[in-house]
C-alpha cells in the first residue's frame, strides 16, 4: 500500500504553534528522504492529538510506540 505524500504533508500542519514550527522544519529537512516505512510511521503518528504529540517531541512524555521513535528523533533534530 502506497501512502500519498501530499496528504501526509498536509496533516503535518498543526494547530499548536510549537508543533507547526517543528513540522515546518522537519518537512524542509527530512520529508523528501523518508522511505515508505518511515512515511507509514509518520502517518500513524499524526493521528495523535497535538498536546500528546508535543509531549513526545519535547521529551516530557515517553514515545507511545517503538515504531514512532525514529520519526520523533527526526522531529527533535528539526
Foldseek 3Di string as FASTA:
>chain_A
DADDLVVLLVLQCAPDVVSNVLSVVLCVPPSVPDDRLLSVLSVVLSVDHPVVSVCCLVVVDPDPDPSCVVVSVSSVVD
